[in-house]
Amino acid sequence: SSHTPVGGGVQGGGGAAAMASAVARKVAELVAQLPADFFKPLVAPGTLDAAQVEDLNEVAEALQTEYTVRRRMLLERLKVTLQSFMWSPKLKEMDDGQRQEVENVVSGAMSRLQPTPSVQVGDVYSVTGGDVAAVVAQRTVSGSAMGALNASVKSVMIGKVPDRGGRTEGRAKEANMPDWKPRSGGGGGGGGGGGAGAGALSNLTAEGC
């Protein structure tokens, strides 16, 4: 196949140093094409007035609350997943020492995952144009803009898979569920009785008056 090496000047046998040099040259070439302030902070400390700082703090507080809730939910899901792993038959077959070691690893990992995000208001002063470009490039799109994300996974064709069912149509009726039937004509007698009772109640009311 015709594959052009990175940098265009490395042809096998150059070694790792030559490859690293070619990559460095290519990176420098790409960086030179970027705007001069691409890696500079967008907002310098001290450039926001009091009203802007207040707005920034309000937005930061709202985002902190929102993502704290999201992180708590994800941590709970992770906790349940890890608990299911701890109930694995293979884990029960281990000796006490191995099982304790696994439990220590799991508990240690969970203790380092805190529900509160580590982002602070002051971090806004270190955000660069490159950071914003990276976030925009990874945004989720749909519809006609879906072609903007050319992920290789989208070209994978899934073959035939076993039918796992799950459809409600075509299922046999439950034996203990009787078929629906219309009300029979014999129920009219009850209606007549109700009418007679209503008439008697009316007469009693009239006599009482």
C-alpha atoms as a PDB file:
ATOM      1  CA  SER A   1       0.000   0.000   0.000  1.00  0.00           C
ATOM      2  CA  SER A   2       1.130   3.590  -0.635  1.00  0.00           C
ATOM      3  CA  HIS A   3       1.472   5.112   2.813  1.00  0.00           C
ATOM      4  CA  THR A   4       3.271   8.426   3.251  1.00  0.00           C
ATOM      5  CA  PRO A   5       5.216   8.538   6.541  1.00  0.00           C
ATOM      6  CA  VAL A   6       4.686  11.380   8.983  1.00  0.00           C
ATOM      7  CA  GLY A   7       6.827  14.312   7.904  1.00  0.00           C
ATOM      8  CA  GLY A   8       7.392  12.728   4.507  1.00  0.00           C
ATOM      9  CA  GLY A   9      11.058  11.955   5.165  1.00  0.00           C
ATOM     10  CA  VAL A  10      11.192   8.751   7.230  1.00  0.00           C
ATOM     11  CA  GLN A  11      11.583   5.550   5.256  1.00  0.00           C
ATOM     12  CA  GLY A  12      12.018   2.502   7.525  1.00  0.00           C
ATOM     13  CA  GLY A  13      15.269   1.856   9.313  1.00  0.00           C
ATOM     14  CA  GLY A  14      15.568   5.420  10.620  1.00  0.00           C
ATOM     15  CA  GLY A  15      14.892   4.301  14.161  1.00  0.00           C
ATOM     16  CA  ALA A  16      12.817   5.835  16.920  1.00  0.00           C
ATOM     17  CA  ALA A  17      14.869   9.050  17.018  1.00  0.00           C
ATOM     18  CA  ALA A  18      14.219   9.759  13.343  1.00  0.00           C
ATOM     19  CA  MET A  19      10.529   9.076  13.762  1.00  0.00           C
ATOM     20  CA  ALA A  20      10.330  11.368  16.790  1.00  0.00           C
ATOM     21  CA  SER A  21      12.138  14.085  14.862  1.00  0.00           C
ATOM     22  CA  ALA A  22       9.697  13.729  11.953  1.00  0.00           C
ATOM     23  CA  VAL A  23       6.710  13.942  14.319  1.00  0.00           C
ATOM     24  CA  ALA A  24       8.168  17.050  15.986  1.00  0.00           C
ATOM     25  CA  ARG A  25       8.634  18.731  12.611  1.00  0.00           C
ATOM     26  CA  LYS A  26       5.050  17.904  11.610  1.00  0.00           C
ATOM     27  CA  VAL A  27       3.668  19.216  14.892  1.00  0.00           C
ATOM     28  CA  ALA A  28       5.648  22.447  14.520  1.00  0.00           C
ATOM     29  CA  GLU A  29       4.316  22.798  10.980  1.00  0.00           C
ATOM     30  CA  LEU A  30       0.699  22.417  12.142  1.00  0.00           C
ATOM     31  CA  VAL A  31       1.142  24.731  15.122  1.00  0.00           C
ATOM     32  CA  ALA A  32       2.506  27.428  12.825  1.00  0.00           C
ATOM     33  CA  GLN A  33      -0.812  27.390  10.976  1.00  0.00           C
ATOM     34  CA  LEU A  34      -2.777  28.217  14.126  1.00  0.00           C
ATOM     35  CA  PRO A  35      -3.643  31.742  15.253  1.00  0.00           C
ATOM     36  CA  ALA A  36      -0.938  33.405  17.318  1.00  0.00           C
ATOM     37  CA  ASP A  37      -3.114  33.527  20.455  1.00  0.00           C
ATOM     38  CA  PHE A  38      -4.449  29.973  20.100  1.00  0.00           C
ATOM     39  CA  PHE A  39      -2.764  28.800  23.310  1.00  0.00           C
ATOM     40  CA  LYS A  40      -3.165  32.052  25.268  1.00  0.00           C
ATOM     41  CA  PRO A  41      -5.875  32.451  27.949  1.00  0.00           C
ATOM     42  CA  LEU A  42      -9.032  34.048  26.609  1.00  0.00           C
ATOM     43  CA  VAL A  43      -9.757  35.955  29.821  1.00  0.00           C
ATOM     44  CA  ALA A  44      -6.935  37.491  31.808  1.00  0.00           C
ATOM     45  CA  PRO A  45      -7.270  37.877  35.579  1.00  0.00           C
ATOM     46  CA  GLY A  46      -8.511  41.325  36.582  1.00  0.00           C
ATOM     47  CA  THR A  47     -10.235  42.072  33.275  1.00  0.00           C
ATOM     48  CA  LEU A  48     -13.768  41.350  34.538  1.00  0.00           C
ATOM     49  CA  ASP A  49     -15.735  44.000  36.380  1.00  0.00           C
ATOM     50  CA  ALA A  50     -17.781  43.352  39.522  1.00  0.00           C
ATOM     51  CA  ALA A  51     -21.003  42.580  37.650  1.00  0.00           C
ATOM     52  CA  GLN A  52     -19.260  40.095  35.351  1.00  0.00           C
ATOM     53  CA  VAL A  53     -17.601  38.380  38.290  1.00  0.00           C
ATOM     54  CA  GLU A  54     -20.973  38.075  39.993  1.00  0.00           C
ATOM     55  CA  ASP A  55     -22.495  36.555  36.855  1.00  0.00           C
ATOM     56  CA  LEU A  56     -19.547  34.183  36.555  1.00  0.00           C
ATOM     57  CA  ASN A  57     -19.964  33.012  40.144  1.00  0.00           C
ATOM     58  CA  GLU A  58     -23.687  32.453  39.582  1.00  0.00           C
ATOM     59  CA  VAL A  59     -23.053  30.353  36.472  1.00  0.00           C
ATOM     60  CA  ALA A  60     -20.306  28.404  38.237  1.00  0.00           C
ATOM     61  CA  GLU A  61     -22.589  27.632  41.173  1.00  0.00           C
ATOM     62  CA  ALA A  62     -25.361  26.391  38.871  1.00  0.00           C
ATOM     63  CA  LEU A  63     -22.954  24.172  36.934  1.00  0.00           C
ATOM     64  CA  GLN A  64     -21.409  22.886  40.161  1.00  0.00           C
ATOM     65  CA  THR A  65     -24.834  21.844  41.440  1.00  0.00           C
ATOM     66  CA  GLU A  66     -25.850  20.258  38.139  1.00  0.00           C
ATOM     67  CA  TYR A  67     -22.698  18.208  37.671  1.00  0.00           C
ATOM     68  CA  THR A  68     -22.564  17.184  41.310  1.00  0.00           C
ATOM     69  CA  VAL A  69     -25.941  15.506  40.832  1.00  0.00           C
ATOM     70  CA  ARG A  70     -24.724  13.843  37.639  1.00  0.00           C
ATOM     71  CA  ARG A  71     -21.541  12.587  39.261  1.00  0.00           C
ATOM     72  CA  ARG A  72     -23.477  11.170  42.213  1.00  0.00           C
ATOM     73  CA  MET A  73     -25.718   9.256  39.845  1.00  0.00           C
ATOM     74  CA  LEU A  74     -22.745   7.868  37.920  1.00  0.00           C
ATOM     75  CA  LEU A  75     -20.973   6.915  41.134  1.00  0.00           C
ATOM     76  CA  GLU A  76     -24.049   5.028  42.344  1.00  0.00           C
ATOM     77  CA  ARG A  77     -24.189   3.132  39.061  1.00  0.00           C
ATOM     78  CA  LEU A  78     -20.500   2.343  39.342  1.00  0.00           C
ATOM     79  CA  LYS A  79     -20.981   1.187  42.919  1.00  0.00           C
ATOM     80  CA  VAL A  80     -23.734  -1.222  41.893  1.00  0.00           C
ATOM     81  CA  THR A  81     -21.615  -2.541  39.025  1.00  0.00           C
ATOM     82  CA  LEU A  82     -18.648  -3.161  41.297  1.00  0.00           C
ATOM     83  CA  GLN A  83     -20.881  -4.889  43.832  1.00  0.00           C
ATOM     84  CA  SER A  84     -22.067  -7.276  41.127  1.00  0.00           C
ATOM     85  CA  PHE A  85     -18.431  -8.049  40.329  1.00  0.00           C
ATOM     86  CA  MET A  86     -17.765  -8.741  43.996  1.00  0.00           C
ATOM     87  CA  TRP A  87     -20.513 -11.372  43.951  1.00  0.00           C
ATOM     88  CA  SER A  88     -18.853 -13.209  41.071  1.00  0.00           C
ATOM     89  CA  PRO A  89     -18.444 -16.977  41.576  1.00  0.00           C
ATOM     90  CA  LYS A  90     -14.813 -16.675  40.456  1.00  0.00           C
ATOM     91  CA  LEU A  91     -14.141 -14.203  43.237  1.00  0.00           C
ATOM     92  CA  LYS A  92     -15.703 -16.546  45.776  1.00  0.00           C
ATOM     93  CA  GLU A  93     -13.310 -19.265  44.634  1.00  0.00           C
ATOM     94  CA  MET A  94     -10.295 -17.129  45.626  1.00  0.00           C
ATOM     95  CA  ASP A  95      -8.648 -17.483  48.998  1.00  0.00           C
ATOM     96  CA  ASP A  96      -9.228 -14.886  51.694  1.00  0.00           C
ATOM     97  CA  GLY A  97      -6.027 -12.986  50.903  1.00  0.00           C
ATOM     98  CA  GLN A  98      -6.797 -12.576  47.201  1.00  0.00           C
ATOM     99  CA  ARG A  99     -10.385 -11.624  47.876  1.00  0.00           C
ATOM    100  CA  GLN A 100      -9.304  -9.035  50.450  1.00  0.00           C
ATOM    101  CA  GLU A 101      -6.820  -7.597  47.958  1.00  0.00           C
ATOM    102  CA  VAL A 102      -9.592  -7.136  45.367  1.00  0.00           C
ATOM    103  CA  GLU A 103     -11.850  -5.507  47.936  1.00  0.00           C
ATOM    104  CA  ASN A 104      -9.058  -3.106  48.928  1.00  0.00           C
ATOM    105  CA  VAL A 105      -8.502  -2.107  45.308  1.00  0.00           C
ATOM    106  CA  VAL A 106     -12.213  -1.483  44.776  1.00  0.00           C
ATOM    107  CA  SER A 107     -12.691   0.486  47.989  1.00  0.00           C
ATOM    108  CA  GLY A 108      -9.555   2.521  47.332  1.00  0.00           C
ATOM    109  CA  ALA A 109     -10.718   3.434  43.838  1.00  0.00           C
ATOM    110  CA  MET A 110     -14.180   4.415  45.089  1.00  0.00           C
ATOM    111  CA  SER A 111     -12.769   6.589  47.871  1.00  0.00           C
ATOM    112  CA  ARG A 112     -10.845   8.668  45.312  1.00  0.00           C
ATOM    113  CA  LEU A 113     -13.968   9.374  43.260  1.00  0.00           C
ATOM    114  CA  GLN A 114     -15.666  12.376  44.800  1.00  0.00           C
ATOM    115  CA  PRO A 115     -19.137  13.591  43.778  1.00  0.00           C
ATOM    116  CA  THR A 116     -18.120  17.254  43.767  1.00  0.00           C
ATOM    117  CA  PRO A 117     -16.375  18.415  40.557  1.00  0.00           C
ATOM    118  CA  SER A 118     -12.863  19.765  41.033  1.00  0.00           C
ATOM    119  CA  VAL A 119     -13.386  22.698  38.663  1.00  0.00           C
ATOM    120  CA  GLN A 120     -13.050  26.093  40.341  1.00  0.00           C
ATOM    121  CA  VAL A 121     -14.165  29.563  39.248  1.00  0.00           C
ATOM    122  CA  GLY A 122     -10.537  30.621  38.862  1.00  0.00           C
ATOM    123  CA  ASP A 123     -10.007  27.983  36.185  1.00  0.00           C
ATOM    124  CA  VAL A 124     -11.841  30.216  33.719  1.00  0.00           C
ATOM    125  CA  TYR A 125      -8.742  32.432  33.549  1.00  0.00           C
ATOM    126  CA  SER A 126      -6.650  29.547  32.184  1.00  0.00           C
ATOM    127  CA  VAL A 127      -9.016  28.541  29.362  1.00  0.00           C
ATOM    128  CA  THR A 128      -7.411  28.993  25.947  1.00  0.00           C
ATOM    129  CA  GLY A 129      -8.732  29.082  22.422  1.00  0.00           C
ATOM    130  CA  GLY A 130      -7.393  25.571  21.992  1.00  0.00           C
ATOM    131  CA  ASP A 131      -9.534  24.339  24.887  1.00  0.00           C
ATOM    132  CA  VAL A 132     -12.652  25.873  23.364  1.00  0.00           C
ATOM    133  CA  ALA A 133     -11.834  24.435  19.937  1.00  0.00           C
ATOM    134  CA  ALA A 134     -11.405  20.965  21.441  1.00  0.00           C
ATOM    135  CA  VAL A 135     -14.792  21.157  23.179  1.00  0.00           C
ATOM    136  CA  VAL A 136     -16.555  22.424  20.057  1.00  0.00           C
ATOM    137  CA  ALA A 137     -14.952  19.724  17.919  1.00  0.00           C
ATOM    138  CA  GLN A 138     -16.286  17.006  20.244  1.00  0.00           C
ATOM    139  CA  ARG A 139     -19.822  18.346  20.568  1.00  0.00           C
ATOM    140  CA  THR A 140     -22.740  16.013  19.955  1.00  0.00           C
ATOM    141  CA  VAL A 141     -24.609  16.623  16.720  1.00  0.00           C
ATOM    142  CA  SER A 142     -27.587  15.053  15.011  1.00  0.00           C
ATOM    143  CA  GLY A 143     -29.525  15.181  11.775  1.00  0.00           C
ATOM    144  CA  SER A 144     -27.834  16.730   8.773  1.00  0.00           C
ATOM    145  CA  ALA A 145     -24.809  17.739  10.877  1.00  0.00           C
ATOM    146  CA  MET A 146     -24.035  14.131  11.826  1.00  0.00           C
ATOM    147  CA  GLY A 147     -21.464  13.958   9.041  1.00  0.00           C
ATOM    148  CA  ALA A 148     -19.325  16.440  10.965  1.00  0.00           C
ATOM    149  CA  LEU A 149     -18.175  13.620  13.254  1.00  0.00           C
ATOM    150  CA  ASN A 150     -16.369  11.045  11.168  1.00  0.00           C
ATOM    151  CA  ALA A 151     -15.899   8.366  13.803  1.00  0.00           C
ATOM    152  CA  SER A 152     -14.622   5.060  12.441  1.00  0.00           C
ATOM    153  CA  VAL A 153     -17.098   3.153  14.603  1.00  0.00           C
ATOM    154  CA  LYS A 154     -19.914   4.499  12.439  1.00  0.00           C
ATOM    155  CA  SER A 155     -18.624   2.463   9.494  1.00  0.00           C
ATOM    156  CA  VAL A 156     -18.862  -0.851  11.366  1.00  0.00           C
ATOM    157  CA  MET A 157     -21.626  -3.094  10.024  1.00  0.00           C
ATOM    158  CA  ILE A 158     -23.260  -5.309  12.645  1.00  0.00           C
ATOM    159  CA  GLY A 159     -24.031  -8.779  11.356  1.00  0.00           C
ATOM    160  CA  LYS A 160     -26.887 -11.050  12.260  1.00  0.00           C
ATOM    161  CA  VAL A 161     -27.505 -11.470  15.966  1.00  0.00           C
ATOM    162  CA  PRO A 162     -29.707 -13.968  17.836  1.00  0.00           C
ATOM    163  CA  ASP A 163     -33.333 -12.956  18.243  1.00  0.00           C
ATOM    164  CA  ARG A 164     -33.800 -12.114  21.924  1.00  0.00           C
ATOM    165  CA  GLY A 165     -37.544 -11.581  21.663  1.00  0.00           C
ATOM    166  CA  GLY A 166     -39.088  -8.844  23.732  1.00  0.00           C
ATOM    167  CA  ARG A 167     -42.066  -8.248  21.463  1.00  0.00           C
ATOM    168  CA  THR A 168     -45.554  -8.162  22.942  1.00  0.00           C
ATOM    169  CA  GLU A 169     -47.443  -9.011  19.762  1.00  0.00           C
ATOM    170  CA  GLY A 170     -47.988 -12.658  18.881  1.00  0.00           C
ATOM    171  CA  ARG A 171     -47.698 -13.911  22.449  1.00  0.00           C
ATOM    172  CA  ALA A 172     -50.132 -16.538  23.698  1.00  0.00           C
ATOM    173  CA  LYS A 173     -52.793 -15.302  26.061  1.00  0.00           C
ATOM    174  CA  GLU A 174     -52.364 -16.048  29.717  1.00  0.00           C
ATOM    175  CA  ALA A 175     -54.441 -19.014  30.854  1.00  0.00           C
ATOM    176  CA  ASN A 176     -55.715 -17.215  33.957  1.00  0.00           C
ATOM    177  CA  MET A 177     -56.943 -14.169  32.073  1.00  0.00           C
ATOM    178  CA  PRO A 178     -60.595 -14.580  30.913  1.00  0.00           C
ATOM    179  CA  ASP A 179     -61.667 -13.212  27.543  1.00  0.00           C
ATOM    180  CA  TRP A 180     -63.627  -9.989  27.501  1.00  0.00           C
ATOM    181  CA  LYS A 181     -67.360 -10.462  26.888  1.00  0.00           C
ATOM    182  CA  PRO A 182     -70.131  -7.869  26.438  1.00  0.00           C
ATOM    183  CA  ARG A 183     -72.662  -7.418  29.219  1.00  0.00           C
ATOM    184  CA  SER A 184     -75.623  -9.810  28.874  1.00  0.00           C
ATOM    185  CA  GLY A 185     -79.192  -8.512  28.475  1.00  0.00           C
ATOM    186  CA  GLY A 186     -80.247  -9.884  31.852  1.00  0.00           C
ATOM    187  CA  GLY A 187     -78.742  -6.918  33.598  1.00  0.00           C
ATOM    188  CA  GLY A 188     -81.733  -4.751  32.753  1.00  0.00           C
ATOM    189  CA  GLY A 189     -83.677  -6.116  35.705  1.00  0.00           C
ATOM    190  CA  GLY A 190     -81.218  -4.555  38.060  1.00  0.00           C
ATOM    191  CA  GLY A 191     -81.740  -1.235  36.341  1.00  0.00           C
ATOM    192  CA  GLY A 192     -85.508  -1.560  36.770  1.00  0.00           C
ATOM    193  CA  GLY A 193     -85.071  -2.333  40.426  1.00  0.00           C
ATOM    194  CA  GLY A 194     -82.942   0.742  40.775  1.00  0.00           C
ATOM    195  CA  GLY A 195     -85.667   2.818  39.167  1.00  0.00           C
ATOM    196  CA  ALA A 196     -88.285   1.442  41.555  1.00  0.00           C
ATOM    197  CA  GLY A 197     -86.082   2.170  44.519  1.00  0.00           C
ATOM    198  CA  ALA A 198     -85.570   5.728  43.318  1.00  0.00           C
ATOM    199  CA  GLY A 199     -89.366   6.157  42.986  1.00  0.00           C
ATOM    200  CA  ALA A 200     -89.986   4.876  46.537  1.00  0.00           C
ATOM    201  CA  LEU A 201     -87.344   7.252  47.892  1.00  0.00           C
ATOM    202  CA  SER A 202     -89.032  10.135  46.091  1.00  0.00           C
ATOM    203  CA  ASN A 203     -92.441   9.245  47.632  1.00  0.00           C
ATOM    204  CA  LEU A 204     -90.977   9.068  51.113  1.00  0.00           C
ATOM    205  CA  THR A 205     -89.374  12.451  50.672  1.00  0.00           C
ATOM    206  CA  ALA A 206     -92.652  13.970  49.478  1.00  0.00           C
ATOM    207  CA  GLU A 207     -94.564  12.485  52.442  1.00  0.00           C
ATOM    208  CA  GLY A 208     -91.964  13.783  54.864  1.00  0.00           C
ATOM    209  CA  CYS A 209     -92.396  17.278  53.500  1.00  0.00           C
END
